[in-house]
Amino acid sequence: MLVVGTTVLLLGVILLVTPGPAFVVIPIGLAILSIEFAWAKHLLSRVRQGVQTGMDWRDWEEWRWMAGLRKRRRKRDREPGSR
């Protein structure tokens, strides 16, 4: 699973700069890796949360939050009713 997940994830990263469905392939690679690794499961849950809440993908601070470099999202980006 490690080799397959890493290959799919790297293919997704390559597709970021070449024509292709990178934003579909990268979560698939993370899903495969999340079977064995907690860091991939955590990153996949952040990607899923960002997609569900309408993350602004052009904002660098949002990418820092998704990668775990920031503990919390900015107040304006949080879901209503969450703390």
PDB file of N, CA and C in Angstrom:
ATOM      1  N   MET A   1       0.813  -1.199   0.000  1.00  0.00           N
ATOM      2  CA  MET A   1       0.000   0.000   0.000  1.00  0.00           C
ATOM      3  C   MET A   1       0.860   1.268   0.000  1.00  0.00           C
ATOM      4  N   LEU A   2       2.011   1.189   0.631  1.00  0.00           N
ATOM      5  CA  LEU A   2       2.886   2.354   0.684  1.00  0.00           C
ATOM      6  C   LEU A   2       3.322   2.766  -0.715  1.00  0.00           C
ATOM      7  N   VAL A   3       3.734   1.801  -1.514  1.00  0.00           N
ATOM      8  CA  VAL A   3       4.212   2.110  -2.868  1.00  0.00           C
ATOM      9  C   VAL A   3       3.068   2.628  -3.734  1.00  0.00           C
ATOM     10  N   VAL A   4       1.914   1.989  -3.646  1.00  0.00           N
ATOM     11  CA  VAL A   4       0.764   2.407  -4.464  1.00  0.00           C
ATOM     12  C   VAL A   4       0.296   3.803  -4.056  1.00  0.00           C
ATOM     13  N   GLY A   5       0.147   4.046  -2.760  1.00  0.00           N
ATOM     14  CA  GLY A   5      -0.298   5.359  -2.291  1.00  0.00           C
ATOM     15  C   GLY A   5       0.668   6.467  -2.638  1.00  0.00           C
ATOM     16  N   THR A   6       1.956   6.196  -2.463  1.00  0.00           N
ATOM     17  CA  THR A   6       2.969   7.202  -2.793  1.00  0.00           C
ATOM     18  C   THR A   6       2.981   7.493  -4.288  1.00  0.00           C
ATOM     19  N   THR A   7       2.856   6.450  -5.095  1.00  0.00           N
ATOM     20  CA  THR A   7       2.839   6.640  -6.548  1.00  0.00           C
ATOM     21  C   THR A   7       1.646   7.480  -6.990  1.00  0.00           C
ATOM     22  N   VAL A   8       0.478   7.176  -6.452  1.00  0.00           N
ATOM     23  CA  VAL A   8      -0.722   7.933  -6.822  1.00  0.00           C
ATOM     24  C   VAL A   8      -0.608   9.379  -6.342  1.00  0.00           C
ATOM     25  N   LEU A   9      -0.089   9.575  -5.132  1.00  0.00           N
ATOM     26  CA  LEU A   9       0.085  10.934  -4.610  1.00  0.00           C
ATOM     27  C   LEU A   9       1.080  11.729  -5.454  1.00  0.00           C
ATOM     28  N   LEU A  10       2.199  11.124  -5.809  1.00  0.00           N
ATOM     29  CA  LEU A  10       3.180  11.811  -6.659  1.00  0.00           C
ATOM     30  C   LEU A  10       2.616  12.094  -8.048  1.00  0.00           C
ATOM     31  N   LEU A  11       1.829  11.190  -8.573  1.00  0.00           N
ATOM     32  CA  LEU A  11       1.167  11.439  -9.855  1.00  0.00           C
ATOM     33  C   LEU A  11       0.257  12.665  -9.748  1.00  0.00           C
ATOM     34  N   GLY A  12      -0.458  12.778  -8.639  1.00  0.00           N
ATOM     35  CA  GLY A  12      -1.318  13.945  -8.421  1.00  0.00           C
ATOM     36  C   GLY A  12      -0.522  15.235  -8.350  1.00  0.00           C
ATOM     37  N   VAL A  13       0.633  15.186  -7.690  1.00  0.00           N
ATOM     38  CA  VAL A  13       1.481  16.385  -7.612  1.00  0.00           C
ATOM     39  C   VAL A  13       1.998  16.761  -8.998  1.00  0.00           C
ATOM     40  N   ILE A  14       2.373  15.767  -9.794  1.00  0.00           N
ATOM     41  CA  ILE A  14       2.817  16.041 -11.166  1.00  0.00           C
ATOM     42  C   ILE A  14       1.676  16.652 -11.973  1.00  0.00           C
ATOM     43  N   LEU A  15       0.458  16.174 -11.733  1.00  0.00           N
ATOM     44  CA  LEU A  15      -0.691  16.697 -12.474  1.00  0.00           C
ATOM     45  C   LEU A  15      -1.040  18.131 -12.084  1.00  0.00           C
ATOM     46  N   LEU A  16      -0.468  18.634 -10.995  1.00  0.00           N
ATOM     47  CA  LEU A  16      -0.685  20.042 -10.641  1.00  0.00           C
ATOM     48  C   LEU A  16      -0.093  20.977 -11.693  1.00  0.00           C
ATOM     49  N   VAL A  17       1.019  20.555 -12.297  1.00  0.00           N
ATOM     50  CA  VAL A  17       1.685  21.421 -13.282  1.00  0.00           C
ATOM     51  C   VAL A  17       1.449  20.961 -14.717  1.00  0.00           C
ATOM     52  N   THR A  18       0.852  19.811 -14.895  1.00  0.00           N
ATOM     53  CA  THR A  18       0.516  19.327 -16.235  1.00  0.00           C
ATOM     54  C   THR A  18      -1.006  19.207 -16.332  1.00  0.00           C
ATOM     55  N   PRO A  19      -1.541  19.130 -17.520  1.00  0.00           N
ATOM     56  CA  PRO A  19      -2.996  19.003 -17.645  1.00  0.00           C
ATOM     57  C   PRO A  19      -3.483  17.668 -17.076  1.00  0.00           C
ATOM     58  N   GLY A  20      -4.425  17.767 -16.164  1.00  0.00           N
ATOM     59  CA  GLY A  20      -4.977  16.546 -15.589  1.00  0.00           C
ATOM     60  C   GLY A  20      -5.749  16.831 -14.315  1.00  0.00           C
ATOM     61  N   PRO A  21      -6.428  15.836 -13.802  1.00  0.00           N
ATOM     62  CA  PRO A  21      -7.296  16.001 -12.622  1.00  0.00           C
ATOM     63  C   PRO A  21      -6.538  15.851 -11.301  1.00  0.00           C
ATOM     64  N   ALA A  22      -5.620  16.763 -11.017  1.00  0.00           N
ATOM     65  CA  ALA A  22      -4.794  16.666  -9.810  1.00  0.00           C
ATOM     66  C   ALA A  22      -5.631  16.700  -8.539  1.00  0.00           C
ATOM     67  N   PHE A  23      -6.678  17.518  -8.513  1.00  0.00           N
ATOM     68  CA  PHE A  23      -7.474  17.660  -7.298  1.00  0.00           C
ATOM     69  C   PHE A  23      -8.389  16.460  -7.066  1.00  0.00           C
ATOM     70  N   VAL A  24      -8.383  15.522  -7.985  1.00  0.00           N
ATOM     71  CA  VAL A  24      -9.081  14.250  -7.776  1.00  0.00           C
ATOM     72  C   VAL A  24      -8.074  13.172  -7.379  1.00  0.00           C
ATOM     73  N   VAL A  25      -6.911  13.190  -7.997  1.00  0.00           N
ATOM     74  CA  VAL A  25      -5.913  12.146  -7.790  1.00  0.00           C
ATOM     75  C   VAL A  25      -5.228  12.289  -6.421  1.00  0.00           C
ATOM     76  N   ILE A  26      -4.943  13.496  -5.996  1.00  0.00           N
ATOM     77  CA  ILE A  26      -4.253  13.700  -4.717  1.00  0.00           C
ATOM     78  C   ILE A  26      -5.068  13.157  -3.536  1.00  0.00           C
ATOM     79  N   PRO A  27      -6.361  13.454  -3.409  1.00  0.00           N
ATOM     80  CA  PRO A  27      -7.122  12.840  -2.303  1.00  0.00           C
ATOM     81  C   PRO A  27      -7.192  11.312  -2.385  1.00  0.00           C
ATOM     82  N   ILE A  28      -7.183  10.763  -3.583  1.00  0.00           N
ATOM     83  CA  ILE A  28      -7.178   9.301  -3.717  1.00  0.00           C
ATOM     84  C   ILE A  28      -5.871   8.739  -3.164  1.00  0.00           C
ATOM     85  N   GLY A  29      -4.761   9.387  -3.501  1.00  0.00           N
ATOM     86  CA  GLY A  29      -3.470   8.959  -2.959  1.00  0.00           C
ATOM     87  C   GLY A  29      -3.419   9.089  -1.446  1.00  0.00           C
ATOM     88  N   LEU A  30      -3.974  10.174  -0.921  1.00  0.00           N
ATOM     89  CA  LEU A  30      -4.021  10.338   0.537  1.00  0.00           C
ATOM     90  C   LEU A  30      -4.910   9.285   1.186  1.00  0.00           C
ATOM     91  N   ALA A  31      -6.006   8.933   0.536  1.00  0.00           N
ATOM     92  CA  ALA A  31      -6.899   7.906   1.081  1.00  0.00           C
ATOM     93  C   ALA A  31      -6.191   6.555   1.148  1.00  0.00           C
ATOM     94  N   ILE A  32      -5.410   6.249   0.141  1.00  0.00           N
ATOM     95  CA  ILE A  32      -4.662   4.982   0.150  1.00  0.00           C
ATOM     96  C   ILE A  32      -3.614   5.011   1.260  1.00  0.00           C
ATOM     97  N   LEU A  33      -2.898   6.123   1.391  1.00  0.00           N
ATOM     98  CA  LEU A  33      -1.879   6.225   2.433  1.00  0.00           C
ATOM     99  C   LEU A  33      -2.476   6.280   3.832  1.00  0.00           C
ATOM    100  N   SER A  34      -3.701   6.792   3.953  1.00  0.00           N
ATOM    101  CA  SER A  34      -4.308   6.912   5.280  1.00  0.00           C
ATOM    102  C   SER A  34      -4.676   5.561   5.884  1.00  0.00           C
ATOM    103  N   ILE A  35      -4.664   4.521   5.083  1.00  0.00           N
ATOM    104  CA  ILE A  35      -4.888   3.174   5.618  1.00  0.00           C
ATOM    105  C   ILE A  35      -3.766   2.797   6.578  1.00  0.00           C
ATOM    106  N   GLU A  36      -2.551   3.258   6.301  1.00  0.00           N
ATOM    107  CA  GLU A  36      -1.391   2.875   7.105  1.00  0.00           C
ATOM    108  C   GLU A  36      -0.824   4.001   7.955  1.00  0.00           C
ATOM    109  N   PHE A  37      -1.012   5.258   7.551  1.00  0.00           N
ATOM    110  CA  PHE A  37      -0.332   6.360   8.225  1.00  0.00           C
ATOM    111  C   PHE A  37      -1.319   7.361   8.808  1.00  0.00           C
ATOM    112  N   ALA A  38      -1.082   7.728  10.056  1.00  0.00           N
ATOM    113  CA  ALA A  38      -1.962   8.686  10.738  1.00  0.00           C
ATOM    114  C   ALA A  38      -1.831  10.083  10.138  1.00  0.00           C
ATOM    115  N   TRP A  39      -0.629  10.472   9.695  1.00  0.00           N
ATOM    116  CA  TRP A  39      -0.453  11.814   9.143  1.00  0.00           C
ATOM    117  C   TRP A  39      -1.283  11.983   7.870  1.00  0.00           C
ATOM    118  N   ALA A  40      -1.373  10.926   7.071  1.00  0.00           N
ATOM    119  CA  ALA A  40      -2.163  11.006   5.835  1.00  0.00           C
ATOM    120  C   ALA A  40      -3.648  11.074   6.157  1.00  0.00           C
ATOM    121  N   LYS A  41      -4.067  10.341   7.192  1.00  0.00           N
ATOM    122  CA  LYS A  41      -5.473  10.381   7.606  1.00  0.00           C
ATOM    123  C   LYS A  41      -5.840  11.774   8.110  1.00  0.00           C
ATOM    124  N   HIS A  42      -4.935  12.385   8.867  1.00  0.00           N
ATOM    125  CA  HIS A  42      -5.169  13.735   9.380  1.00  0.00           C
ATOM    126  C   HIS A  42      -5.235  14.753   8.236  1.00  0.00           C
ATOM    127  N   LEU A  43      -4.310  14.648   7.292  1.00  0.00           N
ATOM    128  CA  LEU A  43      -4.296  15.566   6.155  1.00  0.00           C
ATOM    129  C   LEU A  43      -5.535  15.378   5.279  1.00  0.00           C
ATOM    130  N   LEU A  44      -5.948  14.145   5.086  1.00  0.00           N
ATOM    131  CA  LEU A  44      -7.147  13.872   4.300  1.00  0.00           C
ATOM    132  C   LEU A  44      -8.388  14.452   4.978  1.00  0.00           C
ATOM    133  N   SER A  45      -8.454  14.376   6.299  1.00  0.00           N
ATOM    134  CA  SER A  45      -9.611  14.952   6.999  1.00  0.00           C
ATOM    135  C   SER A  45      -9.621  16.473   6.879  1.00  0.00           C
ATOM    136  N   ARG A  46      -8.448  17.094   6.871  1.00  0.00           N
ATOM    137  CA  ARG A  46      -8.386  18.549   6.684  1.00  0.00           C
ATOM    138  C   ARG A  46      -8.791  18.939   5.270  1.00  0.00           C
ATOM    139  N   VAL A  47      -8.379  18.156   4.288  1.00  0.00           N
ATOM    140  CA  VAL A  47      -8.794  18.417   2.903  1.00  0.00           C
ATOM    141  C   VAL A  47     -10.307  18.296   2.788  1.00  0.00           C
ATOM    142  N   ARG A  48     -10.853  17.232   3.378  1.00  0.00           N
ATOM    143  CA  ARG A  48     -12.296  17.013   3.334  1.00  0.00           C
ATOM    144  C   ARG A  48     -13.036  18.161   4.025  1.00  0.00           C
ATOM    145  N   GLN A  49     -12.531  18.604   5.170  1.00  0.00           N
ATOM    146  CA  GLN A  49     -13.170  19.712   5.886  1.00  0.00           C
ATOM    147  C   GLN A  49     -13.085  21.005   5.081  1.00  0.00           C
ATOM    148  N   GLY A  50     -11.941  21.248   4.441  1.00  0.00           N
ATOM    149  CA  GLY A  50     -11.796  22.443   3.615  1.00  0.00           C
ATOM    150  C   GLY A  50     -12.734  22.458   2.433  1.00  0.00           C
ATOM    151  N   VAL A  51     -12.951  21.299   1.836  1.00  0.00           N
ATOM    152  CA  VAL A  51     -13.869  21.203   0.702  1.00  0.00           C
ATOM    153  C   VAL A  51     -15.307  21.422   1.168  1.00  0.00           C
ATOM    154  N   GLN A  52     -15.668  20.824   2.292  1.00  0.00           N
ATOM    155  CA  GLN A  52     -17.044  20.923   2.774  1.00  0.00           C
ATOM    156  C   GLN A  52     -17.403  22.323   3.236  1.00  0.00           C
ATOM    157  N   THR A  53     -16.435  23.081   3.770  1.00  0.00           N
ATOM    158  CA  THR A  53     -16.734  24.417   4.286  1.00  0.00           C
ATOM    159  C   THR A  53     -16.471  25.510   3.262  1.00  0.00           C
ATOM    160  N   GLY A  54     -16.044  25.148   2.077  1.00  0.00           N
ATOM    161  CA  GLY A  54     -15.820  26.150   1.039  1.00  0.00           C
ATOM    162  C   GLY A  54     -14.541  26.933   1.242  1.00  0.00           C
ATOM    163  N   MET A  55     -13.436  26.241   1.394  1.00  0.00           N
ATOM    164  CA  MET A  55     -12.135  26.870   1.612  1.00  0.00           C
ATOM    165  C   MET A  55     -11.735  27.704   0.394  1.00  0.00           C
ATOM    166  N   ASP A  56     -11.119  28.851   0.656  1.00  0.00           N
ATOM    167  CA  ASP A  56     -10.593  29.675  -0.432  1.00  0.00           C
ATOM    168  C   ASP A  56      -9.222  29.128  -0.809  1.00  0.00           C
ATOM    169  N   TRP A  57      -9.140  28.385  -1.891  1.00  0.00           N
ATOM    170  CA  TRP A  57      -7.930  27.667  -2.271  1.00  0.00           C
ATOM    171  C   TRP A  57      -6.816  28.600  -2.736  1.00  0.00           C
ATOM    172  N   ARG A  58      -7.146  29.871  -2.987  1.00  0.00           N
ATOM    173  CA  ARG A  58      -6.115  30.812  -3.429  1.00  0.00           C
ATOM    174  C   ARG A  58      -5.392  31.465  -2.265  1.00  0.00           C
ATOM    175  N   ASP A  59      -5.881  31.275  -1.058  1.00  0.00           N
ATOM    176  CA  ASP A  59      -5.333  31.936   0.116  1.00  0.00           C
ATOM    177  C   ASP A  59      -4.232  31.079   0.744  1.00  0.00           C
ATOM    178  N   TRP A  60      -3.024  31.641   0.875  1.00  0.00           N
ATOM    179  CA  TRP A  60      -1.884  30.912   1.417  1.00  0.00           C
ATOM    180  C   TRP A  60      -2.115  30.500   2.871  1.00  0.00           C
ATOM    181  N   GLU A  61      -2.802  31.305   3.640  1.00  0.00           N
ATOM    182  CA  GLU A  61      -3.071  30.970   5.037  1.00  0.00           C
ATOM    183  C   GLU A  61      -3.946  29.720   5.142  1.00  0.00           C
ATOM    184  N   GLU A  62      -4.850  29.528   4.214  1.00  0.00           N
ATOM    185  CA  GLU A  62      -5.671  28.327   4.208  1.00  0.00           C
ATOM    186  C   GLU A  62      -4.823  27.087   3.943  1.00  0.00           C
ATOM    187  N   TRP A  63      -3.845  27.189   3.058  1.00  0.00           N
ATOM    188  CA  TRP A  63      -2.956  26.065   2.788  1.00  0.00           C
ATOM    189  C   TRP A  63      -2.113  25.755   4.017  1.00  0.00           C
ATOM    190  N   ARG A  64      -1.676  26.789   4.722  1.00  0.00           N
ATOM    191  CA  ARG A  64      -0.903  26.562   5.951  1.00  0.00           C
ATOM    192  C   ARG A  64      -1.748  25.842   6.987  1.00  0.00           C
ATOM    193  N   TRP A  65      -3.031  26.200   7.095  1.00  0.00           N
ATOM    194  CA  TRP A  65      -3.914  25.519   8.038  1.00  0.00           C
ATOM    195  C   TRP A  65      -4.087  24.052   7.636  1.00  0.00           C
ATOM    196  N   MET A  66      -4.287  23.805   6.359  1.00  0.00           N
ATOM    197  CA  MET A  66      -4.517  22.447   5.906  1.00  0.00           C
ATOM    198  C   MET A  66      -3.295  21.566   6.144  1.00  0.00           C
ATOM    199  N   ALA A  67      -2.111  22.116   5.968  1.00  0.00           N
ATOM    200  CA  ALA A  67      -0.884  21.348   6.172  1.00  0.00           C
ATOM    201  C   ALA A  67      -0.547  21.176   7.639  1.00  0.00           C
ATOM    202  N   GLY A  68      -1.300  21.825   8.509  1.00  0.00           N
ATOM    203  CA  GLY A  68      -1.056  21.677   9.943  1.00  0.00           C
ATOM    204  C   GLY A  68      -0.075  22.680  10.503  1.00  0.00           C
ATOM    205  N   LEU A  69       0.285  23.689   9.741  1.00  0.00           N
ATOM    206  CA  LEU A  69       1.216  24.697  10.222  1.00  0.00           C
ATOM    207  C   LEU A  69       0.532  25.763  11.062  1.00  0.00           C
ATOM    208  N   ARG A  70      -0.791  25.803  11.014  1.00  0.00           N
ATOM    209  CA  ARG A  70      -1.587  26.688  11.868  1.00  0.00           C
ATOM    210  C   ARG A  70      -2.577  25.826  12.620  1.00  0.00           C
ATOM    211  N   LYS A  71      -2.769  26.136  13.893  1.00  0.00           N
ATOM    212  CA  LYS A  71      -3.674  25.333  14.718  1.00  0.00           C
ATOM    213  C   LYS A  71      -5.133  25.552  14.352  1.00  0.00           C
ATOM    214  N   ARG A  72      -5.520  26.784  14.077  1.00  0.00           N
ATOM    215  CA  ARG A  72      -6.924  27.105  13.840  1.00  0.00           C
ATOM    216  C   ARG A  72      -7.085  27.854  12.537  1.00  0.00           C
ATOM    217  N   ARG A  73      -8.270  27.716  11.975  1.00  0.00           N
ATOM    218  CA  ARG A  73      -8.601  28.527  10.811  1.00  0.00           C
ATOM    219  C   ARG A  73      -8.930  29.926  11.292  1.00  0.00           C
ATOM    220  N   ARG A  74      -8.854  30.874  10.383  1.00  0.00           N
ATOM    221  CA  ARG A  74      -9.231  32.232  10.747  1.00  0.00           C
ATOM    222  C   ARG A  74     -10.693  32.280  11.110  1.00  0.00           C
ATOM    223  N   LYS A  75     -11.043  33.213  11.957  1.00  0.00           N
ATOM    224  CA  LYS A  75     -12.403  33.300  12.483  1.00  0.00           C
ATOM    225  C   LYS A  75     -13.445  33.429  11.381  1.00  0.00           C
ATOM    226  N   ARG A  76     -13.154  34.186  10.358  1.00  0.00           N
ATOM    227  CA  ARG A  76     -14.141  34.402   9.292  1.00  0.00           C
ATOM    228  C   ARG A  76     -14.355  33.153   8.458  1.00  0.00           C
ATOM    229  N   ASP A  77     -13.424  32.186   8.526  1.00  0.00           N
ATOM    230  CA  ASP A  77     -13.529  30.988   7.706  1.00  0.00           C
ATOM    231  C   ASP A  77     -14.190  29.817   8.421  1.00  0.00           C
ATOM    232  N   ARG A  78     -14.374  29.937   9.706  1.00  0.00           N
ATOM    233  CA  ARG A  78     -14.969  28.838  10.446  1.00  0.00           C
ATOM    234  C   ARG A  78     -16.453  28.716  10.163  1.00  0.00           C
ATOM    235  N   GLU A  79     -16.948  27.521  10.393  1.00  0.00           N
ATOM    236  CA  GLU A  79     -18.374  27.274  10.205  1.00  0.00           C
ATOM    237  C   GLU A  79     -19.156  28.035  11.258  1.00  0.00           C
ATOM    238  N   PRO A  80     -20.366  28.481  10.940  1.00  0.00           N
ATOM    239  CA  PRO A  80     -21.190  29.146  11.945  1.00  0.00           C
ATOM    240  C   PRO A  80     -21.523  28.172  13.076  1.00  0.00           C
ATOM    241  N   GLY A  81     -21.381  28.677  14.287  1.00  0.00           N
ATOM    242  CA  GLY A  81     -21.707  27.873  15.452  1.00  0.00           C
ATOM    243  C   GLY A  81     -20.562  27.046  15.981  1.00  0.00           C
ATOM    244  N   SER A  82     -19.395  27.014  15.291  1.00  0.00           N
ATOM    245  CA  SER A  82     -18.251  26.251  15.811  1.00  0.00           C
ATOM    246  C   SER A  82     -17.329  27.184  16.565  1.00  0.00           C
ATOM    247  N   ARG A  83     -16.543  26.614  17.451  1.00  0.00           N
ATOM    248  CA  ARG A  83     -15.633  27.424  18.270  1.00  0.00           C
ATOM    249  C   ARG A  83     -14.222  27.239  17.820  1.00  0.00           C
TER     250      ARG A  83
END
